[in-house]
Amino acid sequence: MSPMTMTPAVAWLTSSREIIAQTRARLRETHALIAVNRRLLNPWWTLSGGADEDRDSPLIASVRNRLERGTLDPAPQKVFAGNGTGRTCIVCARVISADQIENEVVVRTNGIAVTLWAHLPCYNIWRWESATFAPTHPRPLPETFDVEPT
């Protein structure tokens, strides 16, 4: 059918279909933008505390040094995260405020469990340096006492 022979009802249907297609395309684009921005607006996904460090930063050197001296144990893989509670970060020694992400880790050394806290970027530095440190510095196994049966 040519445009000249279209009846008003056919023209109306054609324009309605075009408008529906445009609306659906805009709706898909809007949903994609909402999904992207939902992550940006959710405070649980923010990165806060600490700082992005270059490989030669004093903070990285400090973590490496403490791991080598044995004053800081390698970072455990299990971590609990939430809003900061005012605890002090084990890595940078700054307070983790309520608007920052706080990582709670439990380190077990010599049979004692100690809870430590770290900013997310600080924990990442600790974890990366621990992964680098562990293969080149194996830890001695804890001493065990064999009891002979009587």
N, C-alpha and C. Protein backbone atom coordinates (compact mmCIF):
# COMPACT_ATOMS: atom_id res chain seq x y z
N MET A 1 0.84 -1.17 0.00
CA MET A 1 0.00 0.00 0.00
C MET A 1 0.89 1.24 0.00
N SER A 2 0.62 2.15 -0.83
CA SER A 2 1.39 3.39 -0.87
C SER A 2 0.82 4.36 0.15
N PRO A 3 1.62 5.37 0.55
CA PRO A 3 1.12 6.34 1.54
C PRO A 3 -0.12 7.06 1.06
N MET A 4 -0.30 7.18 -0.25
CA MET A 4 -1.47 7.89 -0.78
C MET A 4 -2.75 7.10 -0.56
N THR A 5 -2.63 5.77 -0.56
CA THR A 5 -3.83 4.95 -0.44
C THR A 5 -4.11 4.51 0.99
N MET A 6 -3.28 4.97 1.97
CA MET A 6 -3.50 4.60 3.37
C MET A 6 -4.77 5.25 3.89
N THR A 7 -5.52 4.45 4.59
CA THR A 7 -6.69 5.01 5.25
C THR A 7 -6.24 5.61 6.56
N PRO A 8 -6.99 6.48 7.17
CA PRO A 8 -6.59 7.06 8.45
C PRO A 8 -6.35 6.00 9.52
N ALA A 9 -7.07 4.92 9.52
CA ALA A 9 -6.88 3.87 10.53
C ALA A 9 -5.54 3.17 10.32
N VAL A 10 -5.15 2.91 9.09
CA VAL A 10 -3.88 2.24 8.80
C VAL A 10 -2.73 3.18 9.16
N ALA A 11 -2.86 4.45 8.83
CA ALA A 11 -1.83 5.44 9.17
C ALA A 11 -1.68 5.54 10.68
N TRP A 12 -2.80 5.53 11.36
CA TRP A 12 -2.75 5.61 12.83
C TRP A 12 -2.07 4.38 13.42
N LEU A 13 -2.37 3.18 12.90
CA LEU A 13 -1.74 1.94 13.36
C LEU A 13 -0.23 1.96 13.09
N THR A 14 0.16 2.42 11.93
CA THR A 14 1.58 2.46 11.57
C THR A 14 2.33 3.41 12.49
N SER A 15 1.79 4.60 12.72
CA SER A 15 2.47 5.56 13.60
C SER A 15 2.49 5.05 15.04
N SER A 16 1.44 4.36 15.47
CA SER A 16 1.41 3.80 16.83
C SER A 16 2.49 2.74 16.99
N ARG A 17 2.68 1.90 16.00
CA ARG A 17 3.72 0.87 16.07
C ARG A 17 5.12 1.50 16.14
N GLU A 18 5.32 2.56 15.37
CA GLU A 18 6.61 3.26 15.41
C GLU A 18 6.86 3.87 16.79
N ILE A 19 5.83 4.47 17.35
CA ILE A 19 5.95 5.08 18.69
C ILE A 19 6.21 4.01 19.74
N ILE A 20 5.54 2.87 19.63
CA ILE A 20 5.76 1.77 20.58
C ILE A 20 7.19 1.26 20.47
N ALA A 21 7.72 1.10 19.27
CA ALA A 21 9.10 0.63 19.07
C ALA A 21 10.09 1.62 19.68
N GLN A 22 9.87 2.93 19.46
CA GLN A 22 10.75 3.95 20.03
C GLN A 22 10.68 3.94 21.56
N THR A 23 9.49 3.78 22.10
CA THR A 23 9.31 3.76 23.55
C THR A 23 10.02 2.55 24.17
N ARG A 24 9.90 1.41 23.52
CA ARG A 24 10.57 0.20 24.03
C ARG A 24 12.09 0.35 23.98
N ALA A 25 12.60 0.96 22.92
CA ALA A 25 14.05 1.19 22.82
C ALA A 25 14.51 2.13 23.93
N ARG A 26 13.75 3.20 24.18
CA ARG A 26 14.11 4.12 25.26
C ARG A 26 14.02 3.44 26.63
N LEU A 27 13.03 2.57 26.78
CA LEU A 27 12.88 1.84 28.04
C LEU A 27 14.07 0.91 28.28
N ARG A 28 14.53 0.20 27.23
CA ARG A 28 15.72 -0.66 27.37
C ARG A 28 16.95 0.17 27.74
N GLU A 29 17.11 1.31 27.10
CA GLU A 29 18.24 2.20 27.41
C GLU A 29 18.16 2.70 28.85
N THR A 30 16.97 3.05 29.30
CA THR A 30 16.77 3.53 30.67
C THR A 30 17.09 2.43 31.67
N HIS A 31 16.65 1.21 31.42
CA HIS A 31 16.95 0.09 32.32
C HIS A 31 18.45 -0.16 32.41
N ALA A 32 19.15 -0.03 31.28
CA ALA A 32 20.61 -0.22 31.30
C ALA A 32 21.27 0.88 32.13
N LEU A 33 20.82 2.12 31.99
CA LEU A 33 21.38 3.23 32.78
C LEU A 33 21.09 3.06 34.27
N ILE A 34 19.90 2.59 34.59
CA ILE A 34 19.55 2.36 36.00
C ILE A 34 20.46 1.29 36.59
N ALA A 35 20.69 0.21 35.85
CA ALA A 35 21.56 -0.86 36.35
C ALA A 35 22.97 -0.35 36.60
N VAL A 36 23.50 0.47 35.71
CA VAL A 36 24.84 1.02 35.89
C VAL A 36 24.88 1.95 37.10
N ASN A 37 23.90 2.81 37.24
CA ASN A 37 23.90 3.80 38.31
C ASN A 37 23.52 3.23 39.66
N ARG A 38 22.79 2.11 39.67
CA ARG A 38 22.44 1.49 40.94
C ARG A 38 23.71 1.12 41.70
N ARG A 39 24.72 0.60 41.00
CA ARG A 39 25.98 0.25 41.64
C ARG A 39 26.68 1.50 42.16
N LEU A 40 26.63 2.59 41.38
CA LEU A 40 27.30 3.83 41.80
C LEU A 40 26.61 4.47 43.01
N LEU A 41 25.30 4.32 43.11
CA LEU A 41 24.55 4.97 44.18
C LEU A 41 24.47 4.14 45.46
N ASN A 42 24.75 2.85 45.38
CA ASN A 42 24.66 1.98 46.55
C ASN A 42 25.89 2.18 47.43
N PRO A 43 25.73 2.67 48.67
CA PRO A 43 26.89 2.93 49.52
C PRO A 43 27.69 1.69 49.87
N TRP A 44 27.12 0.50 49.74
CA TRP A 44 27.85 -0.73 50.05
C TRP A 44 28.88 -1.05 48.99
N TRP A 45 28.77 -0.44 47.82
CA TRP A 45 29.71 -0.70 46.74
C TRP A 45 30.80 0.36 46.64
N THR A 46 30.76 1.35 47.51
CA THR A 46 31.77 2.41 47.42
C THR A 46 33.11 1.91 47.92
N LEU A 47 34.15 2.49 47.42
CA LEU A 47 35.50 2.21 47.90
C LEU A 47 35.91 3.41 48.71
N SER A 48 36.20 3.18 49.96
CA SER A 48 36.57 4.30 50.80
C SER A 48 37.63 3.87 51.79
N GLY A 49 38.28 4.85 52.35
CA GLY A 49 39.35 4.55 53.29
C GLY A 49 40.59 4.15 52.55
N GLY A 50 41.73 4.34 53.16
CA GLY A 50 42.97 4.00 52.49
C GLY A 50 43.11 4.80 51.21
N ALA A 51 43.97 4.38 50.35
CA ALA A 51 44.16 5.04 49.08
C ALA A 51 44.71 4.05 48.08
N ASP A 52 44.49 4.34 46.82
CA ASP A 52 45.11 3.52 45.80
C ASP A 52 46.60 3.80 45.85
N GLU A 53 47.36 2.77 46.01
CA GLU A 53 48.80 2.93 46.21
C GLU A 53 49.56 2.42 44.99
N ASP A 54 50.68 3.09 44.68
CA ASP A 54 51.53 2.54 43.65
C ASP A 54 52.43 1.48 44.28
N ARG A 55 53.10 0.69 43.48
CA ARG A 55 53.86 -0.45 43.98
C ARG A 55 55.01 -0.07 44.90
N ASP A 56 55.48 1.17 44.89
CA ASP A 56 56.60 1.59 45.74
C ASP A 56 56.15 2.52 46.86
N SER A 57 54.88 2.50 47.20
CA SER A 57 54.38 3.42 48.22
C SER A 57 54.86 3.02 49.61
N PRO A 58 54.93 3.98 50.52
CA PRO A 58 55.33 3.66 51.89
C PRO A 58 54.39 2.66 52.57
N LEU A 59 53.10 2.72 52.25
CA LEU A 59 52.14 1.79 52.87
C LEU A 59 52.44 0.35 52.44
N ILE A 60 52.70 0.14 51.17
CA ILE A 60 53.03 -1.20 50.69
C ILE A 60 54.34 -1.67 51.30
N ALA A 61 55.32 -0.77 51.34
CA ALA A 61 56.62 -1.13 51.93
C ALA A 61 56.45 -1.48 53.41
N SER A 62 55.58 -0.75 54.12
CA SER A 62 55.34 -1.03 55.53
C SER A 62 54.72 -2.41 55.72
N VAL A 63 53.72 -2.74 54.90
CA VAL A 63 53.08 -4.06 55.00
C VAL A 63 54.09 -5.16 54.70
N ARG A 64 54.87 -4.98 53.65
CA ARG A 64 55.89 -5.97 53.28
C ARG A 64 56.90 -6.16 54.41
N ASN A 65 57.35 -5.06 55.00
CA ASN A 65 58.31 -5.09 56.10
C ASN A 65 57.73 -5.81 57.31
N ARG A 66 56.49 -5.50 57.66
CA ARG A 66 55.86 -6.15 58.83
C ARG A 66 55.64 -7.64 58.59
N LEU A 67 55.32 -8.02 57.36
CA LEU A 67 55.18 -9.45 57.04
C LEU A 67 56.53 -10.15 57.18
N GLU A 68 57.58 -9.53 56.68
CA GLU A 68 58.91 -10.14 56.76
C GLU A 68 59.40 -10.27 58.19
N ARG A 69 59.11 -9.28 59.04
CA ARG A 69 59.55 -9.34 60.44
C ARG A 69 58.66 -10.23 61.28
N GLY A 70 57.48 -10.58 60.77
CA GLY A 70 56.57 -11.43 61.53
C GLY A 70 55.67 -10.66 62.48
N THR A 71 55.64 -9.32 62.37
CA THR A 71 54.76 -8.53 63.23
C THR A 71 53.35 -8.41 62.65
N LEU A 72 53.19 -8.84 61.41
CA LEU A 72 51.89 -8.90 60.77
C LEU A 72 51.78 -10.24 60.08
N ASP A 73 50.74 -10.99 60.41
CA ASP A 73 50.53 -12.29 59.79
C ASP A 73 49.97 -12.10 58.39
N PRO A 74 50.14 -13.09 57.52
CA PRO A 74 49.52 -13.00 56.20
C PRO A 74 48.01 -12.83 56.32
N ALA A 75 47.44 -12.10 55.39
CA ALA A 75 46.00 -11.81 55.42
C ALA A 75 45.20 -13.08 55.18
N PRO A 76 44.19 -13.32 56.01
CA PRO A 76 43.34 -14.48 55.78
C PRO A 76 42.41 -14.21 54.59
N GLN A 77 41.91 -15.25 53.98
CA GLN A 77 41.02 -15.10 52.83
C GLN A 77 39.58 -14.80 53.26
N LYS A 78 39.20 -15.26 54.44
CA LYS A 78 37.83 -15.05 54.91
C LYS A 78 37.75 -13.67 55.56
N VAL A 79 36.77 -12.89 55.13
CA VAL A 79 36.63 -11.52 55.62
C VAL A 79 35.14 -11.19 55.72
N PHE A 80 34.79 -10.38 56.71
CA PHE A 80 33.44 -9.88 56.87
C PHE A 80 33.49 -8.39 56.62
N ALA A 81 32.59 -7.86 55.80
CA ALA A 81 32.62 -6.44 55.46
C ALA A 81 31.31 -5.78 55.86
N GLY A 82 31.41 -4.50 56.18
CA GLY A 82 30.23 -3.71 56.54
C GLY A 82 30.65 -2.26 56.71
N ASN A 83 29.72 -1.45 57.17
CA ASN A 83 30.04 -0.05 57.41
C ASN A 83 31.01 0.05 58.59
N GLY A 84 31.86 1.07 58.52
CA GLY A 84 32.85 1.29 59.57
C GLY A 84 32.21 1.52 60.93
N THR A 85 32.93 1.10 61.98
CA THR A 85 32.44 1.25 63.35
C THR A 85 33.40 2.06 64.22
N GLY A 86 34.33 2.76 63.58
CA GLY A 86 35.28 3.57 64.34
C GLY A 86 36.50 2.82 64.81
N ARG A 87 36.70 1.59 64.33
CA ARG A 87 37.89 0.82 64.70
C ARG A 87 39.10 1.37 63.94
N THR A 88 40.28 0.97 64.37
CA THR A 88 41.51 1.42 63.73
C THR A 88 41.97 0.38 62.72
N CYS A 89 42.33 0.85 61.53
CA CYS A 89 42.81 -0.02 60.45
C CYS A 89 44.19 -0.56 60.82
N ILE A 90 44.36 -1.88 60.73
CA ILE A 90 45.63 -2.53 61.07
C ILE A 90 46.73 -2.16 60.07
N VAL A 91 46.37 -1.77 58.87
CA VAL A 91 47.35 -1.49 57.82
C VAL A 91 47.83 -0.04 57.87
N CYS A 92 46.89 0.92 57.86
CA CYS A 92 47.29 2.33 57.78
C CYS A 92 47.19 3.07 59.12
N ALA A 93 46.64 2.42 60.15
CA ALA A 93 46.50 2.98 61.50
C ALA A 93 45.58 4.19 61.56
N ARG A 94 44.67 4.33 60.58
CA ARG A 94 43.66 5.39 60.62
C ARG A 94 42.32 4.81 61.01
N VAL A 95 41.45 5.66 61.56
CA VAL A 95 40.12 5.22 61.99
C VAL A 95 39.26 4.92 60.76
N ILE A 96 38.46 3.87 60.85
CA ILE A 96 37.53 3.51 59.79
C ILE A 96 36.18 4.10 60.17
N SER A 97 35.80 5.18 59.50
CA SER A 97 34.57 5.90 59.87
C SER A 97 33.33 5.19 59.33
N ALA A 98 32.17 5.62 59.80
CA ALA A 98 30.91 4.96 59.47
C ALA A 98 30.58 5.03 57.98
N ASP A 99 31.12 5.99 57.25
CA ASP A 99 30.84 6.10 55.82
C ASP A 99 31.85 5.33 54.97
N GLN A 100 32.69 4.53 55.62
CA GLN A 100 33.69 3.74 54.92
C GLN A 100 33.40 2.26 55.10
N ILE A 101 33.95 1.44 54.21
CA ILE A 101 33.79 -0.01 54.30
C ILE A 101 34.86 -0.56 55.25
N GLU A 102 34.41 -1.34 56.21
CA GLU A 102 35.30 -1.94 57.20
C GLU A 102 35.36 -3.45 56.96
N ASN A 103 36.55 -3.99 56.84
CA ASN A 103 36.74 -5.43 56.69
C ASN A 103 37.21 -5.99 58.02
N GLU A 104 36.47 -6.96 58.53
CA GLU A 104 36.85 -7.61 59.79
C GLU A 104 37.46 -8.96 59.45
N VAL A 105 38.66 -9.19 59.95
CA VAL A 105 39.36 -10.45 59.69
C VAL A 105 39.78 -11.06 61.01
N VAL A 106 39.82 -12.38 61.05
CA VAL A 106 40.28 -13.08 62.23
C VAL A 106 41.58 -13.80 61.86
N VAL A 107 42.65 -13.47 62.58
CA VAL A 107 43.96 -14.08 62.35
C VAL A 107 44.21 -15.04 63.50
N ARG A 108 44.59 -16.27 63.15
CA ARG A 108 44.89 -17.28 64.17
C ARG A 108 46.39 -17.55 64.17
N THR A 109 47.03 -17.24 65.29
CA THR A 109 48.47 -17.42 65.43
C THR A 109 48.75 -18.08 66.77
N ASN A 110 49.55 -19.11 66.75
CA ASN A 110 49.94 -19.81 67.98
C ASN A 110 48.74 -20.18 68.84
N GLY A 111 47.68 -20.60 68.20
CA GLY A 111 46.50 -21.04 68.93
C GLY A 111 45.63 -19.90 69.46
N ILE A 112 45.94 -18.67 69.12
CA ILE A 112 45.17 -17.52 69.60
C ILE A 112 44.48 -16.86 68.41
N ALA A 113 43.20 -16.56 68.54
CA ALA A 113 42.46 -15.86 67.49
C ALA A 113 42.40 -14.38 67.84
N VAL A 114 42.81 -13.55 66.88
CA VAL A 114 42.80 -12.10 67.07
C VAL A 114 41.97 -11.49 65.95
N THR A 115 41.05 -10.59 66.31
CA THR A 115 40.23 -9.91 65.31
C THR A 115 40.90 -8.59 64.96
N LEU A 116 41.02 -8.33 63.66
CA LEU A 116 41.63 -7.10 63.16
C LEU A 116 40.68 -6.47 62.15
N TRP A 117 40.85 -5.17 61.91
CA TRP A 117 40.00 -4.45 60.96
C TRP A 117 40.88 -3.70 59.98
N ALA A 118 40.36 -3.54 58.75
CA ALA A 118 41.11 -2.82 57.71
C ALA A 118 40.14 -2.19 56.72
N HIS A 119 40.54 -1.01 56.19
CA HIS A 119 39.81 -0.42 55.07
C HIS A 119 39.87 -1.40 53.90
N LEU A 120 38.95 -1.30 52.97
CA LEU A 120 38.97 -2.20 51.82
C LEU A 120 40.26 -2.07 51.00
N PRO A 121 40.69 -0.86 50.60
CA PRO A 121 41.95 -0.79 49.84
C PRO A 121 43.14 -1.25 50.67
N CYS A 122 43.15 -0.99 51.95
CA CYS A 122 44.24 -1.44 52.82
C CYS A 122 44.25 -2.96 52.91
N TYR A 123 43.08 -3.57 53.05
CA TYR A 123 43.00 -5.03 53.09
C TYR A 123 43.52 -5.63 51.79
N ASN A 124 43.17 -4.99 50.66
CA ASN A 124 43.65 -5.49 49.37
C ASN A 124 45.17 -5.45 49.30
N ILE A 125 45.78 -4.38 49.78
CA ILE A 125 47.25 -4.29 49.81
C ILE A 125 47.81 -5.41 50.69
N TRP A 126 47.25 -5.59 51.85
CA TRP A 126 47.69 -6.62 52.80
C TRP A 126 47.58 -8.00 52.15
N ARG A 127 46.45 -8.24 51.47
CA ARG A 127 46.22 -9.53 50.83
C ARG A 127 47.21 -9.75 49.68
N TRP A 128 47.43 -8.71 48.84
CA TRP A 128 48.35 -8.86 47.71
C TRP A 128 49.78 -9.09 48.19
N GLU A 129 50.18 -8.33 49.19
CA GLU A 129 51.53 -8.51 49.71
C GLU A 129 51.68 -9.87 50.39
N SER A 130 50.63 -10.35 51.05
CA SER A 130 50.66 -11.67 51.68
C SER A 130 50.82 -12.75 50.62
N ALA A 131 50.12 -12.60 49.51
CA ALA A 131 50.21 -13.59 48.43
C ALA A 131 51.62 -13.60 47.84
N THR A 132 52.25 -12.45 47.77
CA THR A 132 53.62 -12.35 47.26
C THR A 132 54.61 -12.89 48.28
N PHE A 133 54.34 -12.63 49.55
CA PHE A 133 55.25 -12.99 50.64
C PHE A 133 55.23 -14.49 50.93
N ALA A 134 54.06 -15.09 50.98
CA ALA A 134 53.89 -16.48 51.43
C ALA A 134 54.73 -17.50 50.66
N PRO A 135 54.75 -17.47 49.32
CA PRO A 135 55.52 -18.51 48.61
C PRO A 135 57.03 -18.42 48.87
N THR A 136 57.55 -17.25 49.13
CA THR A 136 58.99 -17.10 49.33
C THR A 136 59.40 -17.19 50.79
N HIS A 137 58.45 -17.17 51.72
CA HIS A 137 58.73 -17.23 53.15
C HIS A 137 57.79 -18.22 53.82
N PRO A 138 58.04 -19.51 53.68
CA PRO A 138 57.13 -20.48 54.31
C PRO A 138 57.17 -20.36 55.83
N ARG A 139 56.02 -20.43 56.42
CA ARG A 139 55.89 -20.35 57.87
C ARG A 139 56.20 -21.72 58.49
N PRO A 140 56.94 -21.74 59.61
CA PRO A 140 57.13 -23.03 60.28
C PRO A 140 55.81 -23.51 60.84
N LEU A 141 55.64 -24.82 60.84
CA LEU A 141 54.41 -25.38 61.40
C LEU A 141 54.43 -25.20 62.91
N PRO A 142 53.26 -25.01 63.52
CA PRO A 142 53.21 -24.87 64.97
C PRO A 142 53.74 -26.13 65.63
N GLU A 143 54.38 -25.93 66.76
CA GLU A 143 54.93 -27.07 67.48
C GLU A 143 53.79 -27.92 68.03
N THR A 144 53.95 -29.22 67.89
CA THR A 144 52.95 -30.13 68.45
C THR A 144 53.67 -31.08 69.38
N PHE A 145 52.98 -31.52 70.34
CA PHE A 145 53.56 -32.43 71.32
C PHE A 145 52.93 -33.80 71.13
N ASP A 146 53.76 -34.76 70.83
CA ASP A 146 53.26 -36.12 70.68
C ASP A 146 53.19 -36.75 72.06
N VAL A 147 52.09 -37.36 72.33
CA VAL A 147 51.91 -38.04 73.61
C VAL A 147 51.95 -39.53 73.31
N GLU A 148 52.87 -40.18 73.97
CA GLU A 148 53.00 -41.62 73.76
C GLU A 148 52.00 -42.34 74.65
N PRO A 149 51.37 -43.35 74.08
CA PRO A 149 50.40 -44.09 74.91
C PRO A 149 51.10 -44.81 76.06
N THR A 150 50.45 -44.89 77.17
CA THR A 150 51.01 -45.55 78.34
C THR A 150 50.48 -46.93 78.52
